[in-house]
Amino acid sequence: MSQIDNLPPLREVIAEHGLRAKKELGQNFLLDLNLTARIARVGGSLEGVRVIEVGPGPGGLTRALLAEGAREVIAIERDARALPALAQIADAYPGRLTVISGDAMEMNYAALAEGPTRIIANLPYNIATPLLTGWLTTQPWPPFFDSLTLMFQREVAERICARPSEDPYGRLGVLAGWRTEARIAFNVSREAFVPAPNVTSSVVHLVPKAVDSTVAVRDLETITKVAFGQRRKMVRQSLKASGVAVDGLLAAAGIKGDERAEDLPISVFLDMARALPGLRKAAQGGAD
């Protein structure tokens, strides 16, 4: 960790480069280098690993990733004000930091992967969920990354890791639970950020797992959208919005239909998603 000490304190970096956090960019900077080092270590040793980081800002987490031994860090930063601060870090770790100036929502992340690759980031809150959804729905699967270690608002973290019958359980929990082993590694108090957000944050660690290739992501998304669209109603009612025979969906999943979506295990949604194409074809044939 000694190389971190050769760089200016983050507060000095922020002042030097005028890096006032912009609300419209979802920025909240982490200044505690002990905390950023803890985030970097969540997934284990970084030796030989290429890390993709989104929204590095002044580079607190970037510095920790490099100091913890990442083979290379690819940092994606939209805010041009942060580029000089990141250039200082690149100089301190020659050949190990590549900064891409661009919009994180428009990146081809698979093209950035090379060898063992992890995504580790204090995500801008305003794009955190769509970024995660994009990574969880990438094809082919298993994906280009070995794991995701990401900072979210606590509320979002709970939705990602929720289990059936838990209040936060919904579409995001089904998707994350289907394709990954997801856990909340630890919480981060609002005082750790500059500026301090209004909520507690959590670091979530997700490790991809093998999935049933007979289930299409788009079909699972369709089923969960209608099932949780009226989450307090019985699924027999909410599934009517699917446009296919509800009895066929219920039969495929082996359920009665008087359950609520929030109480159903992930396997039930997968069974319905697997049956959806055939039921859709039958419905279209009947319409003819």
Protein backbone atom coordinates (compact mmCIF):
# COMPACT_ATOMS: atom_id res chain seq x y z
CA MET A 1 0.00 0.00 0.00
CA SER A 2 3.04 2.27 0.22
CA GLN A 3 2.65 3.64 -3.31
CA ILE A 4 -0.62 5.31 -2.31
CA ASP A 5 1.39 7.49 0.08
CA ASN A 6 3.38 8.89 -2.84
CA LEU A 7 0.22 10.54 -4.20
CA PRO A 8 -1.43 13.63 -2.73
CA PRO A 9 -4.31 13.19 -0.26
CA LEU A 10 -7.63 13.01 -2.07
CA ARG A 11 -8.92 16.20 -0.51
CA GLU A 12 -5.94 18.03 -2.03
CA VAL A 13 -6.60 16.39 -5.40
CA ILE A 14 -10.24 17.47 -5.32
CA ALA A 15 -9.30 21.03 -4.42
CA GLU A 16 -6.50 21.25 -6.99
CA HIS A 17 -8.69 20.11 -9.87
CA GLY A 18 -11.94 21.74 -8.77
CA LEU A 19 -13.72 18.41 -8.48
CA ARG A 20 -16.90 19.51 -6.75
CA ALA A 21 -19.23 16.52 -6.97
CA LYS A 22 -22.02 17.08 -9.47
CA LYS A 23 -25.47 15.86 -8.50
CA GLU A 24 -26.48 15.48 -12.14
CA LEU A 25 -23.66 12.95 -12.59
CA GLY A 26 -24.65 11.00 -9.47
CA GLN A 27 -21.25 11.70 -7.91
CA ASN A 28 -20.35 10.98 -4.29
CA PHE A 29 -16.60 10.65 -3.74
CA LEU A 30 -15.01 8.18 -1.32
CA LEU A 31 -12.01 9.72 0.44
CA ASP A 32 -11.17 7.04 3.04
CA LEU A 33 -8.36 4.97 1.50
CA ASN A 34 -8.78 2.26 4.14
CA LEU A 35 -12.39 1.88 2.99
CA THR A 36 -11.50 1.82 -0.70
CA ALA A 37 -8.87 -0.84 0.04
CA ARG A 38 -11.55 -2.90 1.79
CA ILE A 39 -13.78 -2.65 -1.29
CA ALA A 40 -10.90 -3.71 -3.53
CA ARG A 41 -10.35 -6.83 -1.41
CA VAL A 42 -13.97 -8.05 -1.29
CA GLY A 43 -13.51 -10.50 -4.16
CA GLY A 44 -10.12 -11.78 -3.03
CA SER A 45 -6.64 -11.20 -4.43
CA LEU A 46 -6.36 -8.97 -7.50
CA GLU A 47 -3.05 -10.41 -8.65
CA GLY A 48 -3.20 -11.03 -12.39
CA VAL A 49 -6.70 -9.49 -12.67
CA ARG A 50 -7.85 -6.79 -15.07
CA VAL A 51 -10.34 -4.52 -13.28
CA ILE A 52 -12.95 -2.39 -15.02
CA GLU A 53 -13.96 0.60 -12.90
CA VAL A 54 -16.87 2.91 -13.68
CA GLY A 55 -16.92 6.49 -12.41
CA PRO A 56 -13.53 6.73 -10.66
CA GLY A 57 -13.82 10.47 -10.00
CA PRO A 58 -10.67 11.66 -8.20
CA GLY A 59 -9.43 8.06 -8.06
CA GLY A 60 -9.72 6.88 -4.47
CA LEU A 61 -10.85 3.39 -5.41
CA THR A 62 -8.57 3.40 -8.47
CA ARG A 63 -5.57 3.89 -6.23
CA ALA A 64 -6.68 1.06 -3.95
CA LEU A 65 -7.21 -1.34 -6.86
CA LEU A 66 -3.70 -0.69 -8.14
CA ALA A 67 -2.11 -0.81 -4.71
CA GLU A 68 -3.85 -4.13 -4.01
CA GLY A 69 -2.11 -5.62 -7.04
CA ALA A 70 -4.52 -5.43 -9.99
CA ARG A 71 -2.67 -6.27 -13.18
CA GLU A 72 -4.42 -3.38 -14.93
CA VAL A 73 -7.32 -1.02 -14.28
CA ILE A 74 -9.55 0.25 -17.06
CA ALA A 75 -11.30 3.33 -15.66
CA ILE A 76 -14.29 4.83 -17.45
CA GLU A 77 -14.93 8.47 -16.59
CA ARG A 78 -17.45 10.82 -18.16
CA ASP A 79 -16.39 13.91 -16.19
CA ALA A 80 -13.47 15.56 -18.01
CA ARG A 81 -12.56 17.47 -14.83
CA ALA A 82 -11.35 14.20 -13.28
CA LEU A 83 -8.98 13.25 -16.10
CA PRO A 84 -5.93 15.22 -14.83
CA ALA A 85 -6.28 13.62 -11.37
CA LEU A 86 -6.46 10.17 -12.94
CA ALA A 87 -3.44 10.99 -15.10
CA GLN A 88 -1.44 11.56 -11.89
CA ILE A 89 -2.35 8.04 -10.76
CA ALA A 90 -1.39 6.62 -14.16
CA ASP A 91 2.02 8.24 -13.79
CA ALA A 92 2.45 6.64 -10.36
CA TYR A 93 1.58 3.18 -11.73
CA PRO A 94 3.19 3.13 -15.20
CA GLY A 95 1.41 0.95 -17.75
CA ARG A 96 -1.28 -0.25 -15.34
CA LEU A 97 -4.04 2.37 -15.62
CA THR A 98 -5.97 3.11 -18.79
CA VAL A 99 -8.55 5.89 -18.61
CA ILE A 100 -11.41 5.95 -21.09
CA SER A 101 -13.21 9.27 -21.35
CA GLY A 102 -16.78 8.38 -22.20
CA ASP A 103 -20.30 7.47 -21.16
CA ALA A 104 -20.47 4.28 -19.07
CA MET A 105 -23.91 3.49 -20.49
CA GLU A 106 -22.51 3.25 -24.02
CA MET A 107 -19.48 1.02 -23.41
CA ASN A 108 -18.90 -2.43 -24.88
CA TYR A 109 -17.66 -3.97 -21.64
CA ALA A 110 -16.97 -7.40 -23.06
CA ALA A 111 -14.50 -5.80 -25.47
CA LEU A 112 -12.59 -4.37 -22.48
CA ALA A 113 -12.11 -7.77 -20.86
CA GLU A 114 -8.84 -9.63 -21.19
CA GLY A 115 -7.97 -12.65 -19.11
CA PRO A 116 -9.40 -12.74 -15.57
CA THR A 117 -11.60 -9.64 -15.39
CA ARG A 118 -13.66 -8.12 -12.59
CA ILE A 119 -15.85 -5.05 -12.44
CA ILE A 120 -15.31 -3.09 -9.23
CA ALA A 121 -16.88 0.33 -8.85
CA ASN A 122 -18.48 2.94 -6.67
CA LEU A 123 -21.22 3.38 -9.26
CA PRO A 124 -22.84 6.75 -9.91
CA TYR A 125 -26.23 6.27 -8.25
CA ASN A 126 -28.22 7.58 -11.20
CA ILE A 127 -27.04 4.80 -13.55
CA ALA A 128 -26.24 2.00 -11.09
CA THR A 129 -29.32 -0.17 -11.66
CA PRO A 130 -29.34 -0.03 -15.48
CA LEU A 131 -25.61 -0.80 -15.55
CA LEU A 132 -26.11 -3.83 -13.31
CA THR A 133 -29.06 -5.04 -15.36
CA GLY A 134 -26.97 -4.75 -18.51
CA TRP A 135 -24.17 -6.84 -17.00
CA LEU A 136 -26.61 -9.46 -15.69
CA THR A 137 -28.29 -9.87 -19.07
CA THR A 138 -25.13 -10.01 -21.16
CA GLN A 139 -24.75 -12.87 -23.60
CA PRO A 140 -23.20 -15.39 -23.73
CA TRP A 141 -23.35 -16.63 -20.13
CA PRO A 142 -21.18 -17.29 -18.13
CA PRO A 143 -20.09 -13.72 -18.89
CA PHE A 144 -16.82 -11.97 -19.58
CA PHE A 145 -16.37 -11.01 -15.91
CA ASP A 146 -15.43 -13.23 -12.97
CA SER A 147 -17.29 -11.12 -10.43
CA LEU A 148 -18.92 -7.76 -9.74
CA THR A 149 -18.16 -5.70 -6.63
CA LEU A 150 -20.38 -2.64 -6.71
CA MET A 151 -21.57 0.18 -4.45
CA PHE A 152 -25.31 0.86 -4.36
CA GLN A 153 -27.77 2.69 -2.20
CA ARG A 154 -28.72 0.29 0.60
CA GLU A 155 -32.30 0.03 -0.69
CA VAL A 156 -31.10 -1.13 -4.13
CA ALA A 157 -28.60 -3.54 -2.57
CA GLU A 158 -31.42 -5.16 -0.61
CA ARG A 159 -33.47 -5.58 -3.79
CA ILE A 160 -30.53 -7.26 -5.53
CA CYS A 161 -29.96 -9.76 -2.74
CA ALA A 162 -33.57 -10.30 -1.64
CA ARG A 163 -35.08 -13.75 -1.29
CA PRO A 164 -38.73 -14.83 -1.73
CA SER A 165 -41.14 -13.46 0.90
CA GLU A 166 -38.74 -10.64 1.80
CA ASP A 167 -40.17 -7.17 1.22
CA PRO A 168 -37.51 -6.02 -1.30
CA TYR A 169 -37.91 -9.17 -3.45
CA GLY A 170 -38.86 -8.37 -7.02
CA ARG A 171 -37.67 -8.35 -10.60
CA LEU A 172 -34.09 -7.36 -9.78
CA GLY A 173 -33.79 -10.04 -7.10
CA VAL A 174 -35.05 -12.72 -9.50
CA LEU A 175 -32.57 -11.71 -12.21
CA ALA A 176 -29.59 -11.43 -9.86
CA GLY A 177 -30.52 -14.61 -8.00
CA TRP A 178 -30.90 -16.55 -11.25
CA ARG A 179 -27.53 -15.65 -12.72
CA THR A 180 -25.33 -14.96 -9.70
CA GLU A 181 -24.61 -15.67 -6.07
CA ALA A 182 -25.21 -12.20 -4.64
CA ARG A 183 -24.47 -10.93 -1.15
CA ILE A 184 -24.11 -7.65 0.68
CA ALA A 185 -20.46 -7.51 1.73
CA PHE A 186 -20.81 -4.55 4.09
CA ASN A 187 -22.57 -1.23 4.58
CA VAL A 188 -20.98 2.18 4.21
CA SER A 189 -22.16 5.14 6.24
CA ARG A 190 -23.14 8.33 4.46
CA GLU A 191 -20.33 10.20 6.27
CA ALA A 192 -17.75 8.28 4.25
CA PHE A 193 -18.68 10.26 1.12
CA VAL A 194 -18.14 13.80 -0.09
CA PRO A 195 -20.77 15.09 -0.33
CA ALA A 196 -22.65 12.85 2.09
CA PRO A 197 -25.68 11.26 0.37
CA ASN A 198 -29.02 11.09 2.16
CA VAL A 199 -28.87 7.29 2.45
CA THR A 200 -26.67 4.47 3.67
CA SER A 201 -24.79 2.63 0.94
CA SER A 202 -23.84 -1.02 0.58
CA VAL A 203 -21.14 -2.93 -1.27
CA VAL A 204 -22.63 -5.88 -3.14
CA HIS A 205 -20.56 -8.80 -4.44
CA LEU A 206 -21.97 -10.93 -7.26
CA VAL A 207 -20.35 -14.09 -8.65
CA PRO A 208 -21.78 -15.56 -11.89
CA LYS A 209 -23.10 -19.11 -11.79
CA ALA A 210 -24.17 -21.58 -14.46
CA VAL A 211 -27.75 -21.11 -15.67
CA ASP A 212 -30.28 -23.05 -17.70
CA SER A 213 -29.66 -22.02 -21.30
CA THR A 214 -33.23 -22.96 -22.28
CA VAL A 215 -34.50 -19.82 -20.54
CA ALA A 216 -34.24 -16.61 -22.57
CA VAL A 217 -33.52 -13.41 -20.66
CA ARG A 218 -36.23 -11.51 -22.54
CA ASP A 219 -38.84 -14.13 -21.61
CA LEU A 220 -37.88 -14.01 -17.94
CA GLU A 221 -38.07 -10.22 -18.04
CA THR A 222 -41.55 -10.42 -19.57
CA ILE A 223 -42.78 -12.83 -16.90
CA THR A 224 -41.33 -10.90 -13.97
CA LYS A 225 -42.60 -7.59 -15.33
CA VAL A 226 -46.21 -8.76 -15.43
CA ALA A 227 -45.99 -10.87 -12.26
CA PHE A 228 -44.59 -8.04 -10.14
CA GLY A 229 -46.58 -5.37 -11.96
CA GLN A 230 -49.42 -6.05 -9.52
CA ARG A 231 -47.40 -7.66 -6.78
CA ARG A 232 -50.17 -7.66 -4.16
CA LYS A 233 -52.57 -9.55 -6.41
CA MET A 234 -52.70 -13.28 -6.99
CA VAL A 235 -50.42 -14.27 -9.87
CA ARG A 236 -53.39 -15.67 -11.78
CA GLN A 237 -54.59 -12.07 -12.12
CA SER A 238 -51.26 -10.38 -12.79
CA LEU A 239 -50.20 -12.94 -15.42
CA LYS A 240 -53.16 -12.03 -17.63
CA ALA A 241 -51.04 -9.15 -18.92
CA SER A 242 -48.66 -11.69 -20.50
CA GLY A 243 -51.03 -12.20 -23.44
CA VAL A 244 -50.84 -16.00 -23.26
CA ALA A 245 -52.93 -18.71 -21.59
CA VAL A 246 -52.49 -18.17 -17.85
CA ASP A 247 -53.42 -21.79 -17.09
CA GLY A 248 -50.54 -22.87 -19.32
CA LEU A 249 -48.09 -20.74 -17.34
CA LEU A 250 -49.41 -22.01 -14.02
CA ALA A 251 -49.24 -25.62 -15.19
CA ALA A 252 -45.67 -25.21 -16.40
CA ALA A 253 -44.66 -23.82 -13.03
CA GLY A 254 -46.70 -26.28 -10.97
CA ILE A 255 -48.53 -23.60 -9.00
CA LYS A 256 -52.22 -22.94 -8.36
CA GLY A 257 -52.30 -19.23 -9.14
CA ASP A 258 -53.49 -17.99 -5.78
CA GLU A 259 -49.92 -17.16 -4.75
CA ARG A 260 -48.38 -13.71 -4.87
CA ALA A 261 -45.29 -13.03 -6.96
CA GLU A 262 -43.32 -11.88 -3.94
CA ASP A 263 -43.65 -15.36 -2.38
CA LEU A 264 -42.59 -17.41 -5.42
CA PRO A 265 -39.08 -18.91 -5.75
CA ILE A 266 -36.93 -18.05 -8.74
CA SER A 267 -37.45 -21.54 -10.19
CA VAL A 268 -41.15 -20.81 -10.72
CA PHE A 269 -40.40 -17.72 -12.81
CA LEU A 270 -37.88 -19.72 -14.83
CA ASP A 271 -40.45 -22.44 -15.50
CA MET A 272 -42.96 -19.87 -16.75
CA ALA A 273 -40.34 -18.11 -18.87
CA ARG A 274 -39.34 -21.42 -20.44
CA ALA A 275 -42.97 -22.12 -21.36
CA LEU A 276 -43.69 -18.62 -22.67
CA PRO A 277 -42.50 -19.02 -26.31
CA GLY A 278 -44.64 -22.11 -26.87
CA LEU A 279 -47.69 -20.53 -25.28
CA ARG A 280 -47.16 -17.37 -27.32
CA LYS A 281 -46.99 -19.40 -30.52
CA ALA A 282 -50.20 -21.24 -29.53
CA ALA A 283 -51.93 -17.94 -28.84
CA GLN A 284 -50.89 -16.54 -32.21
CA GLY A 285 -52.06 -19.72 -33.95
CA GLY A 286 -55.42 -19.41 -32.25
CA ALA A 287 -55.71 -15.82 -33.38
CA ASP A 288 -55.25 -16.93 -36.98
